[in-house]
Amino acid sequence: MRQRIASAHGDAQTTDIAASERDRRELLRDGFALGSAALAASSIPLWLSARDAFAAQDSGDAEILQNAINLEQVAVTAYDMALSGGLLSPAALRVARRFRDHEQQHADALTTALTDLGGTPPAPPKGSADVEKIADGLGDAKTQADVVNVLIELEMAGVAAYHDAQAKLVETRLLQTAASIMASEGQHLVVLRRLVGANPVPKAFETGAI
């Protein structure tokens, strides 16, 4: 029987991880390994704004979920931009498409949780302009490496936000959902870092810290 990894959007089969590894190997054969890639300076305000939104002292579960949904919606739109930008190789497109679907599933799960609490989900981003407010630089990307590094920044911000949310969420089921999504974003980071030749696991426990 195949092992499964639990996530907020159901069980992710190990075949998904194997496919990601296959795509990474194809990218390396294509010469896309660029050596160690550092996060751009633009990641710092993104990281701080995400942490501030989730970790405010007066945030309740509903407000945290609204912020989480917004972040996931931005991630979906960012991946859509990456997919349509014409800079990704076929192997990178497969990775981005898979991760885009994960982000949509996260947003859907969080939206269901928020509506169960009687809350109203935020409106999705209207396009690239709204994404640029959070993931600055994606619209100016000139290479595949530029695109992947912005996606790394966005995933880092997500991990940091969910990490901080653990100290604020009250309901157990929401804690479980947030932890599961955080783990999924951490898996994304491993694959994306490998695409640019960076250390895939720079520390034992990923918190999104810069």
C-alpha atoms as a PDB file:
ATOM      1  CA  MET A   1       0.000   0.000   0.000  1.00  0.00           C
ATOM      2  CA  ARG A   2       1.353   3.431  -0.920  1.00  0.00           C
ATOM      3  CA  GLN A   3       2.111   5.829   1.892  1.00  0.00           C
ATOM      4  CA  ARG A   4       0.179   9.102   1.975  1.00  0.00           C
ATOM      5  CA  ILE A   5       0.943  12.517   3.365  1.00  0.00           C
ATOM      6  CA  ALA A   6      -1.923  14.337   5.067  1.00  0.00           C
ATOM      7  CA  SER A   7      -2.762  17.863   3.922  1.00  0.00           C
ATOM      8  CA  ALA A   8      -5.637  20.313   4.233  1.00  0.00           C
ATOM      9  CA  HIS A   9      -6.897  19.332   0.810  1.00  0.00           C
ATOM     10  CA  GLY A  10      -6.836  15.592   1.377  1.00  0.00           C
ATOM     11  CA  ASP A  11      -4.117  12.961   1.087  1.00  0.00           C
ATOM     12  CA  ALA A  12      -1.231  13.732  -1.235  1.00  0.00           C
ATOM     13  CA  GLN A  13       0.113  10.521  -2.682  1.00  0.00           C
ATOM     14  CA  THR A  14       3.824   9.966  -2.764  1.00  0.00           C
ATOM     15  CA  THR A  15       3.540   9.836  -6.557  1.00  0.00           C
ATOM     16  CA  ASP A  16       3.145  13.643  -6.482  1.00  0.00           C
ATOM     17  CA  ILE A  17       6.469  13.989  -4.696  1.00  0.00           C
ATOM     18  CA  ALA A  18       8.081  11.538  -7.104  1.00  0.00           C
ATOM     19  CA  ALA A  19       6.762  13.596 -10.024  1.00  0.00           C
ATOM     20  CA  SER A  20       8.221  16.755  -8.501  1.00  0.00           C
ATOM     21  CA  GLU A  21      11.594  15.060  -8.150  1.00  0.00           C
ATOM     22  CA  ARG A  22      11.431  13.890 -11.775  1.00  0.00           C
ATOM     23  CA  ASP A  23      10.688  17.455 -12.876  1.00  0.00           C
ATOM     24  CA  ARG A  24      13.632  18.741 -10.822  1.00  0.00           C
ATOM     25  CA  ARG A  25      15.972  16.282 -12.496  1.00  0.00           C
ATOM     26  CA  GLU A  26      14.747  17.408 -15.919  1.00  0.00           C
ATOM     27  CA  LEU A  27      15.443  21.023 -15.004  1.00  0.00           C
ATOM     28  CA  LEU A  28      18.946  20.143 -13.860  1.00  0.00           C
ATOM     29  CA  ARG A  29      19.593  18.352 -17.155  1.00  0.00           C
ATOM     30  CA  ASP A  30      18.405  21.509 -18.951  1.00  0.00           C
ATOM     31  CA  GLY A  31      21.057  23.511 -17.128  1.00  0.00           C
ATOM     32  CA  PHE A  32      18.701  25.436 -14.849  1.00  0.00           C
ATOM     33  CA  ALA A  33      20.651  24.807 -11.641  1.00  0.00           C
ATOM     34  CA  LEU A  34      22.027  28.300 -11.027  1.00  0.00           C
ATOM     35  CA  GLY A  35      23.924  27.789  -7.817  1.00  0.00           C
ATOM     36  CA  SER A  36      22.901  29.108  -4.424  1.00  0.00           C
ATOM     37  CA  ALA A  37      19.978  31.558  -4.770  1.00  0.00           C
ATOM     38  CA  ALA A  38      19.343  34.095  -2.029  1.00  0.00           C
ATOM     39  CA  LEU A  39      15.949  35.644  -1.399  1.00  0.00           C
ATOM     40  CA  ALA A  40      15.566  39.085  -2.924  1.00  0.00           C
ATOM     41  CA  ALA A  41      15.317  42.110  -0.627  1.00  0.00           C
ATOM     42  CA  SER A  42      11.670  42.466  -1.659  1.00  0.00           C
ATOM     43  CA  SER A  43      10.880  39.350   0.377  1.00  0.00           C
ATOM     44  CA  ILE A  44      11.448  41.188   3.656  1.00  0.00           C
ATOM     45  CA  PRO A  45       8.362  43.486   3.544  1.00  0.00           C
ATOM     46  CA  LEU A  46       6.315  40.578   2.197  1.00  0.00           C
ATOM     47  CA  TRP A  47       7.422  38.364   5.075  1.00  0.00           C
ATOM     48  CA  LEU A  48       6.792  41.076   7.670  1.00  0.00           C
ATOM     49  CA  SER A  49       3.365  42.028   6.329  1.00  0.00           C
ATOM     50  CA  ALA A  50       2.243  38.394   6.349  1.00  0.00           C
ATOM     51  CA  ARG A  51       3.401  37.896   9.932  1.00  0.00           C
ATOM     52  CA  ASP A  52       1.786  41.148  11.071  1.00  0.00           C
ATOM     53  CA  ALA A  53      -1.544  40.207   9.493  1.00  0.00           C
ATOM     54  CA  PHE A  54      -1.660  36.825  11.199  1.00  0.00           C
ATOM     55  CA  ALA A  55      -0.066  37.647  14.538  1.00  0.00           C
ATOM     56  CA  ALA A  56      -1.957  40.772  15.601  1.00  0.00           C
ATOM     57  CA  GLN A  57      -2.805  40.528  19.261  1.00  0.00           C
ATOM     58  CA  ASP A  58      -6.518  41.182  18.722  1.00  0.00           C
ATOM     59  CA  SER A  59      -6.962  38.741  15.833  1.00  0.00           C
ATOM     60  CA  GLY A  60      -9.686  36.149  16.283  1.00  0.00           C
ATOM     61  CA  ASP A  61     -10.099  32.926  14.330  1.00  0.00           C
ATOM     62  CA  ALA A  62     -12.306  34.550  11.685  1.00  0.00           C
ATOM     63  CA  GLU A  63      -9.865  37.398  11.018  1.00  0.00           C
ATOM     64  CA  ILE A  64      -6.933  35.008  10.807  1.00  0.00           C
ATOM     65  CA  LEU A  65      -8.862  32.875   8.319  1.00  0.00           C
ATOM     66  CA  GLN A  66      -9.664  35.940   6.206  1.00  0.00           C
ATOM     67  CA  ASN A  67      -5.978  36.837   6.066  1.00  0.00           C
ATOM     68  CA  ALA A  68      -5.063  33.248   5.261  1.00  0.00           C
ATOM     69  CA  ILE A  69      -7.606  33.088   2.436  1.00  0.00           C
ATOM     70  CA  ASN A  70      -6.247  36.333   1.012  1.00  0.00           C
ATOM     71  CA  LEU A  71      -2.699  34.980   1.070  1.00  0.00           C
ATOM     72  CA  GLU A  72      -3.768  31.734  -0.608  1.00  0.00           C
ATOM     73  CA  GLN A  73      -5.745  33.638  -3.264  1.00  0.00           C
ATOM     74  CA  VAL A  74      -2.685  35.754  -3.992  1.00  0.00           C
ATOM     75  CA  ALA A  75      -0.633  32.557  -4.289  1.00  0.00           C
ATOM     76  CA  VAL A  76      -3.121  31.118  -6.788  1.00  0.00           C
ATOM     77  CA  THR A  77      -2.960  34.273  -8.909  1.00  0.00           C
ATOM     78  CA  ALA A  78       0.836  34.376  -8.643  1.00  0.00           C
ATOM     79  CA  TYR A  79       1.081  30.813  -9.908  1.00  0.00           C
ATOM     80  CA  ASP A  80      -1.373  31.681 -12.699  1.00  0.00           C
ATOM     81  CA  MET A  81       0.934  34.540 -13.703  1.00  0.00           C
ATOM     82  CA  ALA A  82       3.930  32.214 -13.606  1.00  0.00           C
ATOM     83  CA  LEU A  83       2.114  29.653 -15.752  1.00  0.00           C
ATOM     84  CA  SER A  84       1.090  32.208 -18.372  1.00  0.00           C
ATOM     85  CA  GLY A  85       4.327  34.213 -18.411  1.00  0.00           C
ATOM     86  CA  GLY A  86       6.116  32.115 -21.009  1.00  0.00           C
ATOM     87  CA  LEU A  87       9.316  31.808 -18.953  1.00  0.00           C
ATOM     88  CA  LEU A  88       8.918  28.316 -17.505  1.00  0.00           C
ATOM     89  CA  SER A  89      10.154  25.125 -19.121  1.00  0.00           C
ATOM     90  CA  PRO A  90       7.740  22.180 -19.489  1.00  0.00           C
ATOM     91  CA  ALA A  91       9.114  20.583 -16.315  1.00  0.00           C
ATOM     92  CA  ALA A  92       8.775  23.811 -14.312  1.00  0.00           C
ATOM     93  CA  LEU A  93       5.271  24.297 -15.695  1.00  0.00           C
ATOM     94  CA  ARG A  94       4.246  20.919 -14.311  1.00  0.00           C
ATOM     95  CA  VAL A  95       5.552  21.869 -10.862  1.00  0.00           C
ATOM     96  CA  ALA A  96       3.863  25.273 -10.936  1.00  0.00           C
ATOM     97  CA  ARG A  97       0.570  23.813 -12.127  1.00  0.00           C
ATOM     98  CA  ARG A  98       0.569  21.221  -9.336  1.00  0.00           C
ATOM     99  CA  PHE A  99       1.394  23.800  -6.673  1.00  0.00           C
ATOM    100  CA  ARG A 100      -1.205  26.218  -8.031  1.00  0.00           C
ATOM    101  CA  ASP A 101      -3.844  23.511  -7.571  1.00  0.00           C
ATOM    102  CA  HIS A 102      -2.659  22.943  -3.993  1.00  0.00           C
ATOM    103  CA  GLU A 103      -2.998  26.661  -3.203  1.00  0.00           C
ATOM    104  CA  GLN A 104      -6.536  26.690  -4.605  1.00  0.00           C
ATOM    105  CA  GLN A 105      -7.416  23.692  -2.468  1.00  0.00           C
ATOM    106  CA  HIS A 106      -6.006  25.483   0.585  1.00  0.00           C
ATOM    107  CA  ALA A 107      -8.117  28.566  -0.202  1.00  0.00           C
ATOM    108  CA  ASP A 108     -11.222  26.402  -0.632  1.00  0.00           C
ATOM    109  CA  ALA A 109     -10.665  24.593   2.670  1.00  0.00           C
ATOM    110  CA  LEU A 110     -10.111  27.868   4.531  1.00  0.00           C
ATOM    111  CA  THR A 111     -13.176  29.447   2.899  1.00  0.00           C
ATOM    112  CA  THR A 112     -15.324  26.555   4.091  1.00  0.00           C
ATOM    113  CA  ALA A 113     -13.920  26.944   7.613  1.00  0.00           C
ATOM    114  CA  LEU A 114     -14.609  30.699   7.585  1.00  0.00           C
ATOM    115  CA  THR A 115     -18.179  30.362   6.343  1.00  0.00           C
ATOM    116  CA  ASP A 116     -18.786  27.728   9.029  1.00  0.00           C
ATOM    117  CA  LEU A 117     -17.855  30.445  11.532  1.00  0.00           C
ATOM    118  CA  GLY A 118     -20.304  32.837   9.900  1.00  0.00           C
ATOM    119  CA  GLY A 119     -17.582  34.933   8.265  1.00  0.00           C
ATOM    120  CA  THR A 120     -17.387  36.391   4.775  1.00  0.00           C
ATOM    121  CA  PRO A 121     -14.448  35.402   2.558  1.00  0.00           C
ATOM    122  CA  PRO A 122     -12.398  38.255   1.072  1.00  0.00           C
ATOM    123  CA  ALA A 123     -12.665  39.071  -2.620  1.00  0.00           C
ATOM    124  CA  PRO A 124      -9.960  37.400  -4.707  1.00  0.00           C
ATOM    125  CA  PRO A 125      -7.180  39.486  -6.294  1.00  0.00           C
ATOM    126  CA  LYS A 126      -8.293  41.264  -9.456  1.00  0.00           C
ATOM    127  CA  GLY A 127      -5.090  40.528 -11.274  1.00  0.00           C
ATOM    128  CA  SER A 128      -1.380  41.165 -11.416  1.00  0.00           C
ATOM    129  CA  ALA A 129      -1.635  44.600  -9.758  1.00  0.00           C
ATOM    130  CA  ASP A 130      -3.059  43.102  -6.567  1.00  0.00           C
ATOM    131  CA  VAL A 131      -0.460  40.329  -6.592  1.00  0.00           C
ATOM    132  CA  GLU A 132       2.385  42.827  -7.016  1.00  0.00           C
ATOM    133  CA  LYS A 133       1.312  44.513  -3.764  1.00  0.00           C
ATOM    134  CA  ILE A 134       2.279  41.312  -1.932  1.00  0.00           C
ATOM    135  CA  ALA A 135       4.669  39.449  -4.270  1.00  0.00           C
ATOM    136  CA  ASP A 136       6.625  42.338  -5.746  1.00  0.00           C
ATOM    137  CA  GLY A 137       8.744  41.485  -8.769  1.00  0.00           C
ATOM    138  CA  LEU A 138       6.737  38.752 -10.465  1.00  0.00           C
ATOM    139  CA  GLY A 139       5.543  41.074 -13.213  1.00  0.00           C
ATOM    140  CA  ASP A 140       9.148  42.150 -13.893  1.00  0.00           C
ATOM    141  CA  ALA A 141      10.565  38.623 -14.081  1.00  0.00           C
ATOM    142  CA  LYS A 142      12.841  38.080 -17.057  1.00  0.00           C
ATOM    143  CA  THR A 143      13.980  34.505 -16.475  1.00  0.00           C
ATOM    144  CA  GLN A 144      12.695  31.265 -15.044  1.00  0.00           C
ATOM    145  CA  ALA A 145      14.955  31.817 -12.045  1.00  0.00           C
ATOM    146  CA  ASP A 146      13.320  35.195 -11.372  1.00  0.00           C
ATOM    147  CA  VAL A 147       9.883  33.584 -11.369  1.00  0.00           C
ATOM    148  CA  VAL A 148      10.860  30.716  -9.098  1.00  0.00           C
ATOM    149  CA  ASN A 149      12.576  33.015  -6.596  1.00  0.00           C
ATOM    150  CA  VAL A 150       9.435  35.169  -6.276  1.00  0.00           C
ATOM    151  CA  LEU A 151       7.400  32.008  -5.699  1.00  0.00           C
ATOM    152  CA  ILE A 152       9.904  30.988  -3.016  1.00  0.00           C
ATOM    153  CA  GLU A 153       9.399  34.359  -1.330  1.00  0.00           C
ATOM    154  CA  LEU A 154       5.639  33.892  -1.412  1.00  0.00           C
ATOM    155  CA  GLU A 155       5.825  30.364   0.007  1.00  0.00           C
ATOM    156  CA  MET A 156       8.205  31.576   2.741  1.00  0.00           C
ATOM    157  CA  ALA A 157       5.728  34.280   3.722  1.00  0.00           C
ATOM    158  CA  GLY A 158       2.981  31.676   3.887  1.00  0.00           C
ATOM    159  CA  VAL A 159       4.979  29.362   6.135  1.00  0.00           C
ATOM    160  CA  ALA A 160       5.879  32.277   8.435  1.00  0.00           C
ATOM    161  CA  ALA A 161       2.262  33.404   8.648  1.00  0.00           C
ATOM    162  CA  TYR A 162       0.897  29.943   9.446  1.00  0.00           C
ATOM    163  CA  HIS A 163       3.662  29.393  11.966  1.00  0.00           C
ATOM    164  CA  ASP A 164       2.608  32.545  13.845  1.00  0.00           C
ATOM    165  CA  ALA A 165      -1.081  31.709  13.491  1.00  0.00           C
ATOM    166  CA  GLN A 166      -0.550  28.587  15.602  1.00  0.00           C
ATOM    167  CA  ALA A 167      -0.226  30.815  18.681  1.00  0.00           C
ATOM    168  CA  LYS A 168      -3.459  32.684  17.911  1.00  0.00           C
ATOM    169  CA  LEU A 169      -6.002  30.180  16.637  1.00  0.00           C
ATOM    170  CA  VAL A 170      -8.423  28.873  19.226  1.00  0.00           C
ATOM    171  CA  GLU A 171     -10.377  26.041  17.614  1.00  0.00           C
ATOM    172  CA  THR A 172      -8.515  22.738  17.432  1.00  0.00           C
ATOM    173  CA  ARG A 173      -9.738  21.889  13.944  1.00  0.00           C
ATOM    174  CA  LEU A 174      -8.418  25.215  12.647  1.00  0.00           C
ATOM    175  CA  LEU A 175      -5.069  24.560  14.279  1.00  0.00           C
ATOM    176  CA  GLN A 176      -4.953  21.224  12.476  1.00  0.00           C
ATOM    177  CA  THR A 177      -5.861  22.824   9.162  1.00  0.00           C
ATOM    178  CA  ALA A 178      -3.237  25.568   9.543  1.00  0.00           C
ATOM    179  CA  ALA A 179      -0.549  23.055  10.508  1.00  0.00           C
ATOM    180  CA  SER A 180      -1.407  20.856   7.535  1.00  0.00           C
ATOM    181  CA  ILE A 181      -1.267  23.783   5.093  1.00  0.00           C
ATOM    182  CA  MET A 182       2.011  24.953   6.615  1.00  0.00           C
ATOM    183  CA  ALA A 183       3.471  21.490   6.002  1.00  0.00           C
ATOM    184  CA  SER A 184       2.285  21.599   2.399  1.00  0.00           C
ATOM    185  CA  GLU A 185       3.898  25.009   1.837  1.00  0.00           C
ATOM    186  CA  GLY A 186       7.093  23.616   3.347  1.00  0.00           C
ATOM    187  CA  GLN A 187       7.062  20.793   0.790  1.00  0.00           C
ATOM    188  CA  HIS A 188       6.632  23.383  -1.963  1.00  0.00           C
ATOM    189  CA  LEU A 189       9.674  25.234  -0.663  1.00  0.00           C
ATOM    190  CA  VAL A 190      11.836  22.105  -0.865  1.00  0.00           C
ATOM    191  CA  VAL A 191      10.980  21.554  -4.526  1.00  0.00           C
ATOM    192  CA  LEU A 192      11.245  25.241  -5.516  1.00  0.00           C
ATOM    193  CA  ARG A 193      14.607  25.659  -3.793  1.00  0.00           C
ATOM    194  CA  ARG A 194      15.937  22.640  -5.638  1.00  0.00           C
ATOM    195  CA  LEU A 195      14.867  24.206  -8.928  1.00  0.00           C
ATOM    196  CA  VAL A 196      17.296  27.083  -8.365  1.00  0.00           C
ATOM    197  CA  GLY A 197      20.066  24.996  -6.848  1.00  0.00           C
ATOM    198  CA  ALA A 198      19.538  26.289  -3.302  1.00  0.00           C
ATOM    199  CA  ASN A 199      19.748  24.191  -0.140  1.00  0.00           C
ATOM    200  CA  PRO A 200      16.304  22.519  -0.102  1.00  0.00           C
ATOM    201  CA  VAL A 201      16.210  22.086   3.680  1.00  0.00           C
ATOM    202  CA  PRO A 202      18.345  24.812   5.294  1.00  0.00           C
ATOM    203  CA  LYS A 203      17.083  23.929   8.784  1.00  0.00           C
ATOM    204  CA  ALA A 204      15.373  20.996  10.439  1.00  0.00           C
ATOM    205  CA  PHE A 205      12.082  22.769  11.104  1.00  0.00           C
ATOM    206  CA  GLU A 206      10.801  25.293   8.547  1.00  0.00           C
ATOM    207  CA  THR A 207       9.232  28.411  10.074  1.00  0.00           C
ATOM    208  CA  GLY A 208       9.555  30.779   7.129  1.00  0.00           C
ATOM    209  CA  ALA A 209      12.105  32.889   8.986  1.00  0.00           C
ATOM    210  CA  ILE A 210      14.503  34.832   6.798  1.00  0.00           C
END
